Structure formats: structure tokens, C-alpha cells
Amino acid sequence: MQITNGSKIMTPLSKEIILMAEQLSEKKQIALIEFLKTMLDDDYISEEDRENIREAHAEYLRGEAIDHEDIDWGDDELPGDDVE
């Protein structure tokens, strides 16, 4: 089986990392993912993030997006503004 990341063939080191991770329990795999995220640049985008961005873009293209000005951000009055 050839392990790929999209259209790129993974390096031997990447394959070794995957094979090692597969030997861990699910709980330890989750911990490993969280640890690896700390080593990535701030602009890292997960596959889940990519899917959410794709869906949001599709909604925008279908005209389902809400205009920024139409959102009630609740900025007009802060709690306690009516207290004298």
C-alpha cells in the first residue's frame, strides 16, 4: 500500500511516523495530534478546517451567506449601561 497525502507521495519519515502512530491507542493518538499541533506554524489548517472553509464558500456561492452588516453583534448596549 502506498501512503499518499493528496497527490504527493509521502516520505519514508512520514510513513514511519504514521506507522508508529497507528500502534498507539486512540487516546494517545489524540494526545499526539495535540502535541504535533504545538509544533506547527500558526497558519496550520486542519482537514476539518479545510472542509469547513469549502462548505462556507459553497454556501456563499449559493447566496446563502449572511451579509456582515445584517448580523446583530449586540455591540450597541453593554450589560450595565443602564446603571447610573
C-alpha atoms as a PDB file:
ATOM      1  CA  MET A   1       0.000   0.000   0.000  1.00  0.00           C
ATOM      2  CA  GLN A   2       1.337   3.390  -0.971  1.00  0.00           C
ATOM      3  CA  ILE A   3       0.616   6.126   1.531  1.00  0.00           C
ATOM      4  CA  THR A   4      -0.108   9.486  -0.070  1.00  0.00           C
ATOM      5  CA  ASN A   5      -1.035  12.950   1.098  1.00  0.00           C
ATOM      6  CA  GLY A   6      -3.231  14.310  -1.674  1.00  0.00           C
ATOM      7  CA  SER A   7      -1.211  13.867  -4.843  1.00  0.00           C
ATOM      8  CA  LYS A   8       2.185  13.852  -3.102  1.00  0.00           C
ATOM      9  CA  ILE A   9       3.870  10.588  -2.167  1.00  0.00           C
ATOM     10  CA  MET A  10       4.870  10.703   1.474  1.00  0.00           C
ATOM     11  CA  THR A  11       8.491  10.490   2.553  1.00  0.00           C
ATOM     12  CA  PRO A  12       9.859   7.439   4.381  1.00  0.00           C
ATOM     13  CA  LEU A  13       9.966   9.510   7.576  1.00  0.00           C
ATOM     14  CA  SER A  14       6.277  10.450   7.220  1.00  0.00           C
ATOM     15  CA  LYS A  15       5.414   6.792   6.666  1.00  0.00           C
ATOM     16  CA  GLU A  16       7.358   5.821   9.800  1.00  0.00           C
ATOM     17  CA  ILE A  17       5.521   8.444  11.848  1.00  0.00           C
ATOM     18  CA  ILE A  18       2.169   7.113  10.627  1.00  0.00           C
ATOM     19  CA  LEU A  19       3.109   3.501  11.316  1.00  0.00           C
ATOM     20  CA  MET A  20       4.202   4.422  14.837  1.00  0.00           C
ATOM     21  CA  ALA A  21       1.047   6.449  15.492  1.00  0.00           C
ATOM     22  CA  GLU A  22      -1.134   3.554  14.339  1.00  0.00           C
ATOM     23  CA  GLN A  23       0.299   1.439  17.155  1.00  0.00           C
ATOM     24  CA  LEU A  24      -0.969   3.888  19.796  1.00  0.00           C
ATOM     25  CA  SER A  25      -4.352   3.776  21.463  1.00  0.00           C
ATOM     26  CA  GLU A  26      -6.914   6.309  20.243  1.00  0.00           C
ATOM     27  CA  LYS A  27      -6.423   8.347  23.428  1.00  0.00           C
ATOM     28  CA  LYS A  28      -2.660   8.509  22.831  1.00  0.00           C
ATOM     29  CA  GLN A  29      -3.201   9.349  19.134  1.00  0.00           C
ATOM     30  CA  ILE A  30      -5.323  12.326  20.166  1.00  0.00           C
ATOM     31  CA  ALA A  31      -2.607  13.447  22.576  1.00  0.00           C
ATOM     32  CA  LEU A  32      -0.022  13.041  19.804  1.00  0.00           C
ATOM     33  CA  ILE A  33      -2.086  15.189  17.431  1.00  0.00           C
ATOM     34  CA  GLU A  34      -2.410  17.916  20.064  1.00  0.00           C
ATOM     35  CA  PHE A  35       1.349  17.786  20.685  1.00  0.00           C
ATOM     36  CA  LEU A  36       2.125  17.982  16.966  1.00  0.00           C
ATOM     37  CA  LYS A  37      -0.188  20.986  16.582  1.00  0.00           C
ATOM     38  CA  THR A  38       2.000  22.881  19.067  1.00  0.00           C
ATOM     39  CA  MET A  39       4.949  22.367  16.732  1.00  0.00           C
ATOM     40  CA  LEU A  40       3.186  23.736  13.649  1.00  0.00           C
ATOM     41  CA  ASP A  41       3.109  27.301  12.408  1.00  0.00           C
ATOM     42  CA  ASP A  42       0.150  29.417  13.450  1.00  0.00           C
ATOM     43  CA  ASP A  43      -1.233  29.291   9.909  1.00  0.00           C
ATOM     44  CA  TYR A  44      -1.754  25.497  10.029  1.00  0.00           C
ATOM     45  CA  ILE A  45      -5.142  24.463   8.670  1.00  0.00           C
ATOM     46  CA  SER A  46      -6.534  21.047   9.588  1.00  0.00           C
ATOM     47  CA  GLU A  47      -8.535  18.939   7.143  1.00  0.00           C
ATOM     48  CA  GLU A  48     -11.636  19.743   9.217  1.00  0.00           C
ATOM     49  CA  ASP A  49     -10.854  23.458   8.830  1.00  0.00           C
ATOM     50  CA  ARG A  50     -10.430  22.991   5.072  1.00  0.00           C
ATOM     51  CA  GLU A  51     -13.795  21.226   4.834  1.00  0.00           C
ATOM     52  CA  ASN A  52     -15.496  23.990   6.837  1.00  0.00           C
ATOM     53  CA  ILE A  53     -13.956  26.612   4.554  1.00  0.00           C
ATOM     54  CA  ARG A  54     -15.085  24.681   1.450  1.00  0.00           C
ATOM     55  CA  GLU A  55     -18.638  24.449   2.818  1.00  0.00           C
ATOM     56  CA  ALA A  56     -18.731  28.141   3.744  1.00  0.00           C
ATOM     57  CA  HIS A  57     -17.500  29.044   0.252  1.00  0.00           C
ATOM     58  CA  ALA A  58     -20.160  26.819  -1.325  1.00  0.00           C
ATOM     59  CA  GLU A  59     -22.843  28.491   0.830  1.00  0.00           C
ATOM     60  CA  TYR A  60     -21.542  31.883  -0.292  1.00  0.00           C
ATOM     61  CA  LEU A  61     -21.677  30.851  -3.953  1.00  0.00           C
ATOM     62  CA  ARG A  62     -25.280  29.625  -3.471  1.00  0.00           C
ATOM     63  CA  GLY A  63     -26.204  33.004  -1.996  1.00  0.00           C
ATOM     64  CA  GLU A  64     -26.776  31.562   1.462  1.00  0.00           C
ATOM     65  CA  ALA A  65     -24.226  33.768   3.220  1.00  0.00           C
ATOM     66  CA  ILE A  66     -25.429  36.441   5.631  1.00  0.00           C
ATOM     67  CA  ASP A  67     -24.144  39.948   4.993  1.00  0.00           C
ATOM     68  CA  HIS A  68     -21.866  41.175   7.773  1.00  0.00           C
ATOM     69  CA  GLU A  69     -23.984  44.300   8.288  1.00  0.00           C
ATOM     70  CA  ASP A  70     -27.128  42.174   8.825  1.00  0.00           C
ATOM     71  CA  ILE A  71     -25.717  40.474  11.935  1.00  0.00           C
ATOM     72  CA  ASP A  72     -26.794  41.846  15.309  1.00  0.00           C
ATOM     73  CA  TRP A  73     -23.478  41.752  17.114  1.00  0.00           C
ATOM     74  CA  GLY A  74     -25.035  43.164  20.291  1.00  0.00           C
ATOM     75  CA  ASP A  75     -22.443  45.951  20.429  1.00  0.00           C
ATOM     76  CA  ASP A  76     -24.976  48.731  20.896  1.00  0.00           C
ATOM     77  CA  GLU A  77     -25.547  48.205  24.603  1.00  0.00           C
ATOM     78  CA  LEU A  78     -23.249  46.573  27.062  1.00  0.00           C
ATOM     79  CA  PRO A  79     -24.568  44.979  30.256  1.00  0.00           C
ATOM     80  CA  GLY A  80     -24.725  47.610  32.952  1.00  0.00           C
ATOM     81  CA  ASP A  81     -25.081  50.562  30.542  1.00  0.00           C
ATOM     82  CA  ASP A  82     -28.451  51.387  32.111  1.00  0.00           C
ATOM     83  CA  VAL A  83     -26.946  51.640  35.612  1.00  0.00           C
ATOM     84  CA  GLU A  84     -26.392  55.169  36.857  1.00  0.00           C
END
